[in-house]
């Protein structure tokens, strides 16, 4: 687990306990706050496991692909819009 994943998982645990991502040191982890609250809801719904922690980000990734296709389709022919989505799907930033 990468350091940012550890911080995110820990902040989600504090959101579930206290309602805010405040660590025992008094500091807050505010990076991606809306996603952390969605992740906390997912953990509450599916339990504290890797699936629940990754589900919100995966759903947003899929939604991004759909929106990029729909937007590109307005200006570009279907094959080009499909190629845009394919390139985005394998992009390091998207993954």
PDB file of N, CA and C in Angstrom:
ATOM      1  N   UNK A   1       0.847  -1.171   0.000  1.00  0.00           N
ATOM      2  CA  UNK A   1       0.000   0.000   0.000  1.00  0.00           C
ATOM      3  C   UNK A   1       0.892   1.233   0.000  1.00  0.00           C
ATOM      4  N   UNK A   2       0.567   2.139  -0.906  1.00  0.00           N
ATOM      5  CA  UNK A   2       1.336   3.376  -1.002  1.00  0.00           C
ATOM      6  C   UNK A   2       0.998   4.293   0.176  1.00  0.00           C
ATOM      7  N   UNK A   3       1.880   5.264   0.410  1.00  0.00           N
ATOM      8  CA  UNK A   3       1.696   6.157   1.560  1.00  0.00           C
ATOM      9  C   UNK A   3       0.379   6.931   1.481  1.00  0.00           C
ATOM     10  N   UNK A   4       0.026   7.413   0.287  1.00  0.00           N
ATOM     11  CA  UNK A   4      -1.221   8.173   0.181  1.00  0.00           C
ATOM     12  C   UNK A   4      -2.437   7.277   0.389  1.00  0.00           C
ATOM     13  N   UNK A   5      -2.331   6.001   0.001  1.00  0.00           N
ATOM     14  CA  UNK A   5      -3.433   5.070   0.268  1.00  0.00           C
ATOM     15  C   UNK A   5      -3.576   4.824   1.762  1.00  0.00           C
ATOM     16  N   UNK A   6      -2.464   4.722   2.450  1.00  0.00           N
ATOM     17  CA  UNK A   6      -2.509   4.526   3.901  1.00  0.00           C
ATOM     18  C   UNK A   6      -3.174   5.723   4.576  1.00  0.00           C
ATOM     19  N   UNK A   7      -2.803   6.924   4.169  1.00  0.00           N
ATOM     20  CA  UNK A   7      -3.403   8.122   4.741  1.00  0.00           C
ATOM     21  C   UNK A   7      -4.891   8.198   4.429  1.00  0.00           C
ATOM     22  N   UNK A   8      -5.264   7.836   3.212  1.00  0.00           N
ATOM     23  CA  UNK A   8      -6.668   7.869   2.821  1.00  0.00           C
ATOM     24  C   UNK A   8      -7.480   6.858   3.620  1.00  0.00           C
ATOM     25  N   UNK A   9      -6.975   5.649   3.756  1.00  0.00           N
ATOM     26  CA  UNK A   9      -7.683   4.612   4.525  1.00  0.00           C
ATOM     27  C   UNK A   9      -7.800   5.029   5.988  1.00  0.00           C
ATOM     28  N   UNK A  10      -6.734   5.575   6.531  1.00  0.00           N
ATOM     29  CA  UNK A  10      -6.767   6.027   7.923  1.00  0.00           C
ATOM     30  C   UNK A  10      -7.752   7.170   8.099  1.00  0.00           C
ATOM     31  N   UNK A  11      -7.775   8.108   7.157  1.00  0.00           N
ATOM     32  CA  UNK A  11      -8.705   9.230   7.269  1.00  0.00           C
ATOM     33  C   UNK A  11     -10.146   8.757   7.146  1.00  0.00           C
ATOM     34  N   UNK A  12     -10.394   7.749   6.314  1.00  0.00           N
ATOM     35  CA  UNK A  12     -11.746   7.195   6.193  1.00  0.00           C
ATOM     36  C   UNK A  12     -12.174   6.553   7.513  1.00  0.00           C
ATOM     37  N   UNK A  13     -11.247   5.884   8.172  1.00  0.00           N
ATOM     38  CA  UNK A  13     -11.571   5.292   9.473  1.00  0.00           C
ATOM     39  C   UNK A  13     -11.941   6.371  10.483  1.00  0.00           C
ATOM     40  N   UNK A  14     -11.235   7.492  10.459  1.00  0.00           N
ATOM     41  CA  UNK A  14     -11.558   8.591  11.373  1.00  0.00           C
ATOM     42  C   UNK A  14     -12.867   9.277  10.982  1.00  0.00           C
ATOM     43  N   UNK A  15     -13.165   9.331   9.692  1.00  0.00           N
ATOM     44  CA  UNK A  15     -14.459   9.877   9.267  1.00  0.00           C
ATOM     45  C   UNK A  15     -15.580   9.008   9.820  1.00  0.00           C
ATOM     46  N   UNK A  16     -15.407   7.700   9.756  1.00  0.00           N
ATOM     47  CA  UNK A  16     -16.433   6.795  10.267  1.00  0.00           C
ATOM     48  C   UNK A  16     -16.573   6.900  11.783  1.00  0.00           C
ATOM     49  N   UNK A  17     -15.463   7.159  12.484  1.00  0.00           N
ATOM     50  CA  UNK A  17     -15.500   7.258  13.949  1.00  0.00           C
ATOM     51  C   UNK A  17     -15.965   8.628  14.429  1.00  0.00           C
ATOM     52  N   UNK A  18     -15.385   9.702  13.848  1.00  0.00           N
ATOM     53  CA  UNK A  18     -15.609  11.057  14.362  1.00  0.00           C
ATOM     54  C   UNK A  18     -16.436  11.946  13.442  1.00  0.00           C
ATOM     55  N   UNK A  19     -16.554  11.560  12.181  1.00  0.00           N
ATOM     56  CA  UNK A  19     -17.257  12.400  11.220  1.00  0.00           C
ATOM     57  C   UNK A  19     -16.354  13.334  10.444  1.00  0.00           C
ATOM     58  N   UNK A  20     -15.096  13.456  10.866  1.00  0.00           N
ATOM     59  CA  UNK A  20     -14.115  14.296  10.172  1.00  0.00           C
ATOM     60  C   UNK A  20     -12.781  13.541  10.109  1.00  0.00           C
ATOM     61  N   UNK A  21     -11.960  13.816   9.077  1.00  0.00           N
ATOM     62  CA  UNK A  21     -10.679  13.127   8.965  1.00  0.00           C
ATOM     63  C   UNK A  21      -9.593  13.768   9.827  1.00  0.00           C
ATOM     64  N   UNK A  22      -9.788  13.805  11.127  1.00  0.00           N
ATOM     65  CA  UNK A  22      -8.816  14.411  12.043  1.00  0.00           C
ATOM     66  C   UNK A  22      -8.016  13.295  12.712  1.00  0.00           C
ATOM     67  N   UNK A  23      -6.710  13.370  12.555  1.00  0.00           N
ATOM     68  CA  UNK A  23      -5.819  12.372  13.140  1.00  0.00           C
ATOM     69  C   UNK A  23      -5.581  12.668  14.618  1.00  0.00           C
ATOM     70  N   UNK A  24      -5.069  11.711  15.384  1.00  0.00           N
ATOM     71  CA  UNK A  24      -4.800  11.941  16.810  1.00  0.00           C
ATOM     72  C   UNK A  24      -3.849  13.113  17.066  1.00  0.00           C
ATOM     73  N   UNK A  25      -3.021  13.437  16.096  1.00  0.00           N
ATOM     74  CA  UNK A  25      -2.095  14.564  16.256  1.00  0.00           C
ATOM     75  C   UNK A  25      -2.810  15.906  16.145  1.00  0.00           C
ATOM     76  N   UNK A  26      -4.079  15.884  15.718  1.00  0.00           N
ATOM     77  CA  UNK A  26      -4.838  17.107  15.566  1.00  0.00           C
ATOM     78  C   UNK A  26      -4.884  17.610  14.136  1.00  0.00           C
ATOM     79  N   UNK A  27      -4.069  17.012  13.273  1.00  0.00           N
ATOM     80  CA  UNK A  27      -4.048  17.429  11.876  1.00  0.00           C
ATOM     81  C   UNK A  27      -5.180  16.799  11.085  1.00  0.00           C
ATOM     82  N   UNK A  28      -5.523  17.445   9.986  1.00  0.00           N
ATOM     83  CA  UNK A  28      -6.580  16.956   9.105  1.00  0.00           C
ATOM     84  C   UNK A  28      -5.974  16.515   7.791  1.00  0.00           C
ATOM     85  N   UNK A  29      -6.556  15.491   7.188  1.00  0.00           N
ATOM     86  CA  UNK A  29      -6.147  15.056   5.851  1.00  0.00           C
ATOM     87  C   UNK A  29      -7.241  15.519   4.895  1.00  0.00           C
ATOM     88  N   UNK A  30      -6.999  16.607   4.180  1.00  0.00           N
ATOM     89  CA  UNK A  30      -8.032  17.236   3.366  1.00  0.00           C
ATOM     90  C   UNK A  30      -7.905  16.949   1.875  1.00  0.00           C
ATOM     91  N   UNK A  31      -6.951  16.135   1.496  1.00  0.00           N
ATOM     92  CA  UNK A  31      -6.766  15.824   0.078  1.00  0.00           C
ATOM     93  C   UNK A  31      -7.907  14.925  -0.396  1.00  0.00           C
ATOM     94  N   UNK A  32      -8.630  15.370  -1.398  1.00  0.00           N
ATOM     95  CA  UNK A  32      -9.719  14.571  -1.952  1.00  0.00           C
ATOM     96  C   UNK A  32     -10.847  14.344  -0.962  1.00  0.00           C
ATOM     97  N   UNK A  33     -11.205  15.384  -0.233  1.00  0.00           N
ATOM     98  CA  UNK A  33     -12.191  15.260   0.837  1.00  0.00           C
ATOM     99  C   UNK A  33     -13.535  14.688   0.377  1.00  0.00           C
ATOM    100  N   UNK A  34     -14.119  15.163  -0.730  1.00  0.00           N
ATOM    101  CA  UNK A  34     -15.392  14.561  -1.150  1.00  0.00           C
ATOM    102  C   UNK A  34     -15.264  13.061  -1.435  1.00  0.00           C
ATOM    103  N   UNK A  35     -14.160  12.672  -2.060  1.00  0.00           N
ATOM    104  CA  UNK A  35     -13.945  11.254  -2.340  1.00  0.00           C
ATOM    105  C   UNK A  35     -13.785  10.460  -1.047  1.00  0.00           C
ATOM    106  N   UNK A  36     -13.161  11.036  -0.040  1.00  0.00           N
ATOM    107  CA  UNK A  36     -13.012  10.335   1.239  1.00  0.00           C
ATOM    108  C   UNK A  36     -14.364  10.061   1.883  1.00  0.00           C
ATOM    109  N   UNK A  37     -15.272  11.027   1.801  1.00  0.00           N
ATOM    110  CA  UNK A  37     -16.606  10.815   2.368  1.00  0.00           C
ATOM    111  C   UNK A  37     -17.383   9.761   1.571  1.00  0.00           C
ATOM    112  N   UNK A  38     -17.229   9.750   0.247  1.00  0.00           N
ATOM    113  CA  UNK A  38     -17.853   8.694  -0.550  1.00  0.00           C
ATOM    114  C   UNK A  38     -17.254   7.337  -0.204  1.00  0.00           C
ATOM    115  N   UNK A  39     -15.938   7.315  -0.001  1.00  0.00           N
ATOM    116  CA  UNK A  39     -15.252   6.083   0.383  1.00  0.00           C
ATOM    117  C   UNK A  39     -15.744   5.605   1.749  1.00  0.00           C
ATOM    118  N   UNK A  40     -15.952   6.535   2.677  1.00  0.00           N
ATOM    119  CA  UNK A  40     -16.470   6.175   4.000  1.00  0.00           C
ATOM    120  C   UNK A  40     -17.864   5.559   3.880  1.00  0.00           C
ATOM    121  N   UNK A  41     -18.691   6.112   3.005  1.00  0.00           N
ATOM    122  CA  UNK A  41     -20.012   5.532   2.774  1.00  0.00           C
ATOM    123  C   UNK A  41     -19.927   4.146   2.178  1.00  0.00           C
ATOM    124  N   UNK A  42     -18.998   3.956   1.266  1.00  0.00           N
ATOM    125  CA  UNK A  42     -18.789   2.643   0.657  1.00  0.00           C
ATOM    126  C   UNK A  42     -18.308   1.625   1.693  1.00  0.00           C
ATOM    127  N   UNK A  43     -17.404   2.067   2.574  1.00  0.00           N
ATOM    128  CA  UNK A  43     -16.903   1.171   3.627  1.00  0.00           C
ATOM    129  C   UNK A  43     -18.035   0.815   4.591  1.00  0.00           C
ATOM    130  N   UNK A  44     -18.859   1.783   4.902  1.00  0.00           N
ATOM    131  CA  UNK A  44     -19.994   1.508   5.791  1.00  0.00           C
ATOM    132  C   UNK A  44     -20.955   0.503   5.144  1.00  0.00           C
ATOM    133  N   UNK A  45     -21.131   0.607   3.830  1.00  0.00           N
ATOM    134  CA  UNK A  45     -22.066  -0.250   3.110  1.00  0.00           C
ATOM    135  C   UNK A  45     -21.506  -1.658   2.872  1.00  0.00           C
ATOM    136  N   UNK A  46     -20.225  -1.744   2.467  1.00  0.00           N
ATOM    137  CA  UNK A  46     -19.645  -3.027   2.056  1.00  0.00           C
ATOM    138  C   UNK A  46     -18.651  -3.618   3.047  1.00  0.00           C
ATOM    139  N   UNK A  47     -18.344  -2.904   4.119  1.00  0.00           N
ATOM    140  CA  UNK A  47     -17.360  -3.399   5.078  1.00  0.00           C
ATOM    141  C   UNK A  47     -15.984  -2.837   4.783  1.00  0.00           C
ATOM    142  N   UNK A  48     -15.094  -2.981   5.733  1.00  0.00           N
ATOM    143  CA  UNK A  48     -13.743  -2.432   5.608  1.00  0.00           C
ATOM    144  C   UNK A  48     -12.862  -3.401   4.833  1.00  0.00           C
ATOM    145  N   UNK A  49     -12.889  -3.281   3.511  1.00  0.00           N
ATOM    146  CA  UNK A  49     -12.064  -4.141   2.658  1.00  0.00           C
ATOM    147  C   UNK A  49     -11.580  -3.336   1.459  1.00  0.00           C
ATOM    148  N   UNK A  50     -10.693  -3.928   0.696  1.00  0.00           N
ATOM    149  CA  UNK A  50     -10.089  -3.215  -0.430  1.00  0.00           C
ATOM    150  C   UNK A  50     -11.135  -2.820  -1.473  1.00  0.00           C
ATOM    151  N   UNK A  51     -12.105  -3.688  -1.719  1.00  0.00           N
ATOM    152  CA  UNK A  51     -13.163  -3.403  -2.684  1.00  0.00           C
ATOM    153  C   UNK A  51     -13.899  -2.120  -2.307  1.00  0.00           C
ATOM    154  N   UNK A  52     -14.299  -2.013  -1.055  1.00  0.00           N
ATOM    155  CA  UNK A  52     -15.059  -0.848  -0.599  1.00  0.00           C
ATOM    156  C   UNK A  52     -14.237   0.433  -0.692  1.00  0.00           C
ATOM    157  N   UNK A  53     -12.945   0.335  -0.426  1.00  0.00           N
ATOM    158  CA  UNK A  53     -12.093   1.531  -0.482  1.00  0.00           C
ATOM    159  C   UNK A  53     -11.849   1.992  -1.913  1.00  0.00           C
ATOM    160  N   UNK A  54     -11.809   1.072  -2.847  1.00  0.00           N
ATOM    161  CA  UNK A  54     -11.493   1.434  -4.236  1.00  0.00           C
ATOM    162  C   UNK A  54     -12.725   1.695  -5.101  1.00  0.00           C
ATOM    163  N   UNK A  55     -13.896   1.270  -4.664  1.00  0.00           N
ATOM    164  CA  UNK A  55     -15.102   1.377  -5.483  1.00  0.00           C
ATOM    165  C   UNK A  55     -15.433   2.807  -5.917  1.00  0.00           C
ATOM    166  N   UNK A  56     -15.456   3.798  -5.030  1.00  0.00           N
ATOM    167  CA  UNK A  56     -15.806   5.152  -5.497  1.00  0.00           C
ATOM    168  C   UNK A  56     -14.863   5.687  -6.579  1.00  0.00           C
ATOM    169  N   UNK A  57     -13.575   5.479  -6.423  1.00  0.00           N
ATOM    170  CA  UNK A  57     -12.613   5.954  -7.424  1.00  0.00           C
ATOM    171  C   UNK A  57     -12.816   5.221  -8.752  1.00  0.00           C
ATOM    172  N   UNK A  58     -13.106   3.933  -8.696  1.00  0.00           N
ATOM    173  CA  UNK A  58     -13.340   3.168  -9.926  1.00  0.00           C
ATOM    174  C   UNK A  58     -14.594   3.663 -10.635  1.00  0.00           C
ATOM    175  N   UNK A  59     -15.649   3.942  -9.878  1.00  0.00           N
ATOM    176  CA  UNK A  59     -16.881   4.448 -10.484  1.00  0.00           C
ATOM    177  C   UNK A  59     -16.660   5.819 -11.125  1.00  0.00           C
ATOM    178  N   UNK A  60     -15.898   6.683 -10.469  1.00  0.00           N
ATOM    179  CA  UNK A  60     -15.595   7.985 -11.058  1.00  0.00           C
ATOM    180  C   UNK A  60     -14.733   7.842 -12.307  1.00  0.00           C
ATOM    181  N   UNK A  61     -13.828   6.875 -12.320  1.00  0.00           N
ATOM    182  CA  UNK A  61     -13.015   6.627 -13.514  1.00  0.00           C
ATOM    183  C   UNK A  61     -13.867   6.194 -14.693  1.00  0.00           C
ATOM    184  N   UNK A  62     -14.827   5.308 -14.438  1.00  0.00           N
ATOM    185  CA  UNK A  62     -15.727   4.859 -15.497  1.00  0.00           C
ATOM    186  C   UNK A  62     -16.600   6.015 -15.975  1.00  0.00           C
ATOM    187  N   UNK A  63     -17.108   6.793 -15.040  1.00  0.00           N
ATOM    188  CA  UNK A  63     -17.934   7.947 -15.399  1.00  0.00           C
ATOM    189  C   UNK A  63     -17.136   8.940 -16.248  1.00  0.00           C
ATOM    190  N   UNK A  64     -15.873   9.125 -15.929  1.00  0.00           N
ATOM    191  CA  UNK A  64     -15.019  10.019 -16.713  1.00  0.00           C
ATOM    192  C   UNK A  64     -14.894   9.530 -18.149  1.00  0.00           C
ATOM    193  N   UNK A  65     -14.717   8.228 -18.327  1.00  0.00           N
ATOM    194  CA  UNK A  65     -14.609   7.681 -19.682  1.00  0.00           C
ATOM    195  C   UNK A  65     -15.891   7.919 -20.474  1.00  0.00           C
ATOM    196  N   UNK A  66     -17.030   7.700 -19.841  1.00  0.00           N
ATOM    197  CA  UNK A  66     -18.313   7.916 -20.516  1.00  0.00           C
ATOM    198  C   UNK A  66     -18.484   9.382 -20.899  1.00  0.00           C
ATOM    199  N   UNK A  67     -18.180  10.287 -19.972  1.00  0.00           N
ATOM    200  CA  UNK A  67     -18.337  11.712 -20.253  1.00  0.00           C
ATOM    201  C   UNK A  67     -17.380  12.194 -21.342  1.00  0.00           C
ATOM    202  N   UNK A  68     -16.143  11.682 -21.332  1.00  0.00           N
ATOM    203  CA  UNK A  68     -15.190  12.061 -22.382  1.00  0.00           C
ATOM    204  C   UNK A  68     -15.695  11.581 -23.740  1.00  0.00           C
ATOM    205  N   UNK A  69     -16.226  10.367 -23.789  1.00  0.00           N
ATOM    206  CA  UNK A  69     -16.752   9.870 -25.060  1.00  0.00           C
ATOM    207  C   UNK A  69     -17.913  10.736 -25.548  1.00  0.00           C
ATOM    208  N   UNK A  70     -18.851  11.039 -24.650  1.00  0.00           N
ATOM    209  CA  UNK A  70     -20.009  11.834 -25.052  1.00  0.00           C
ATOM    210  C   UNK A  70     -19.601  13.236 -25.509  1.00  0.00           C
ATOM    211  N   UNK A  71     -18.654  13.832 -24.811  1.00  0.00           N
ATOM    212  CA  UNK A  71     -18.182  15.165 -25.191  1.00  0.00           C
ATOM    213  C   UNK A  71     -17.420  15.116 -26.523  1.00  0.00           C
ATOM    214  N   UNK A  72     -16.529  14.131 -26.665  1.00  0.00           N
ATOM    215  CA  UNK A  72     -15.752  14.024 -27.901  1.00  0.00           C
ATOM    216  C   UNK A  72     -16.661  13.712 -29.082  1.00  0.00           C
ATOM    217  N   UNK A  73     -17.715  12.974 -28.847  1.00  0.00           N
ATOM    218  CA  UNK A  73     -18.637  12.585 -29.916  1.00  0.00           C
ATOM    219  C   UNK A  73     -19.369  13.804 -30.498  1.00  0.00           C
ATOM    220  N   UNK A  74     -19.499  14.853 -29.717  1.00  0.00           N
ATOM    221  CA  UNK A  74     -20.143  16.073 -30.216  1.00  0.00           C
ATOM    222  C   UNK A  74     -19.318  16.691 -31.343  1.00  0.00           C
ATOM    223  N   UNK A  75     -17.994  16.648 -31.210  1.00  0.00           N
ATOM    224  CA  UNK A  75     -17.109  17.336 -32.156  1.00  0.00           C
ATOM    225  C   UNK A  75     -16.394  16.407 -33.130  1.00  0.00           C
ATOM    226  N   UNK A  76     -16.333  15.117 -32.810  1.00  0.00           N
ATOM    227  CA  UNK A  76     -15.519  14.193 -33.596  1.00  0.00           C
ATOM    228  C   UNK A  76     -16.347  13.006 -34.062  1.00  0.00           C
ATOM    229  N   UNK A  77     -15.912  12.353 -35.154  1.00  0.00           N
ATOM    230  CA  UNK A  77     -16.609  11.134 -35.570  1.00  0.00           C
ATOM    231  C   UNK A  77     -16.414  10.008 -34.540  1.00  0.00           C
ATOM    232  N   UNK A  78     -17.296   9.024 -34.600  1.00  0.00           N
ATOM    233  CA  UNK A  78     -17.304   7.936 -33.620  1.00  0.00           C
ATOM    234  C   UNK A  78     -15.945   7.267 -33.437  1.00  0.00           C
ATOM    235  N   UNK A  79     -15.244   6.873 -34.516  1.00  0.00           N
ATOM    236  CA  UNK A  79     -13.960   6.175 -34.307  1.00  0.00           C
ATOM    237  C   UNK A  79     -12.924   7.021 -33.557  1.00  0.00           C
ATOM    238  N   UNK A  80     -12.915   8.317 -33.828  1.00  0.00           N
ATOM    239  CA  UNK A  80     -11.948   9.192 -33.155  1.00  0.00           C
ATOM    240  C   UNK A  80     -12.328   9.356 -31.684  1.00  0.00           C
ATOM    241  N   UNK A  81     -13.609   9.516 -31.403  1.00  0.00           N
ATOM    242  CA  UNK A  81     -14.066   9.608 -30.012  1.00  0.00           C
ATOM    243  C   UNK A  81     -13.740   8.316 -29.264  1.00  0.00           C
ATOM    244  N   UNK A  82     -13.922   7.194 -29.919  1.00  0.00           N
ATOM    245  CA  UNK A  82     -13.578   5.903 -29.308  1.00  0.00           C
ATOM    246  C   UNK A  82     -12.091   5.785 -29.036  1.00  0.00           C
ATOM    247  N   UNK A  83     -11.279   6.298 -29.959  1.00  0.00           N
ATOM    248  CA  UNK A  83      -9.828   6.274 -29.757  1.00  0.00           C
ATOM    249  C   UNK A  83      -9.430   7.162 -28.580  1.00  0.00           C
ATOM    250  N   UNK A  84     -10.103   8.306 -28.431  1.00  0.00           N
ATOM    251  CA  UNK A  84      -9.833   9.188 -27.282  1.00  0.00           C
ATOM    252  C   UNK A  84     -10.086   8.455 -25.975  1.00  0.00           C
ATOM    253  N   UNK A  85     -11.201   7.765 -25.909  1.00  0.00           N
ATOM    254  CA  UNK A  85     -11.550   7.033 -24.692  1.00  0.00           C
ATOM    255  C   UNK A  85     -10.573   5.894 -24.463  1.00  0.00           C
ATOM    256  N   UNK A  86     -10.183   5.208 -25.513  1.00  0.00           N
ATOM    257  CA  UNK A  86      -9.234   4.106 -25.372  1.00  0.00           C
ATOM    258  C   UNK A  86      -7.894   4.601 -24.841  1.00  0.00           C
ATOM    259  N   UNK A  87      -7.431   5.742 -25.350  1.00  0.00           N
ATOM    260  CA  UNK A  87      -6.169   6.288 -24.874  1.00  0.00           C
ATOM    261  C   UNK A  87      -6.281   6.747 -23.413  1.00  0.00           C
ATOM    262  N   UNK A  88      -7.402   7.330 -23.059  1.00  0.00           N
ATOM    263  CA  UNK A  88      -7.604   7.753 -21.689  1.00  0.00           C
ATOM    264  C   UNK A  88      -7.683   6.554 -20.752  1.00  0.00           C
ATOM    265  N   UNK A  89      -8.302   5.484 -21.190  1.00  0.00           N
ATOM    266  CA  UNK A  89      -8.465   4.289 -20.361  1.00  0.00           C
ATOM    267  C   UNK A  89      -7.135   3.653 -19.974  1.00  0.00           C
ATOM    268  N   UNK A  90      -6.138   3.784 -20.817  1.00  0.00           N
ATOM    269  CA  UNK A  90      -4.828   3.189 -20.519  1.00  0.00           C
ATOM    270  C   UNK A  90      -3.806   4.230 -20.071  1.00  0.00           C
ATOM    271  N   UNK A  91      -4.257   5.456 -19.909  1.00  0.00           N
ATOM    272  CA  UNK A  91      -3.367   6.532 -19.466  1.00  0.00           C
ATOM    273  C   UNK A  91      -2.918   6.306 -18.016  1.00  0.00           C
ATOM    274  N   UNK A  92      -1.685   6.603 -17.747  1.00  0.00           N
ATOM    275  CA  UNK A  92      -1.162   6.474 -16.392  1.00  0.00           C
ATOM    276  C   UNK A  92      -1.870   7.379 -15.415  1.00  0.00           C
ATOM    277  N   UNK A  93      -2.288   8.547 -15.851  1.00  0.00           N
ATOM    278  CA  UNK A  93      -3.009   9.473 -14.984  1.00  0.00           C
ATOM    279  C   UNK A  93      -4.374   8.914 -14.614  1.00  0.00           C
ATOM    280  N   UNK A  94      -5.031   8.281 -15.570  1.00  0.00           N
ATOM    281  CA  UNK A  94      -6.367   7.748 -15.323  1.00  0.00           C
ATOM    282  C   UNK A  94      -6.313   6.505 -14.432  1.00  0.00           C
ATOM    283  N   UNK A  95      -5.311   5.695 -14.642  1.00  0.00           N
ATOM    284  CA  UNK A  95      -5.212   4.461 -13.852  1.00  0.00           C
ATOM    285  C   UNK A  95      -4.819   4.798 -12.445  1.00  0.00           C
TER     286      UNK A  95
END
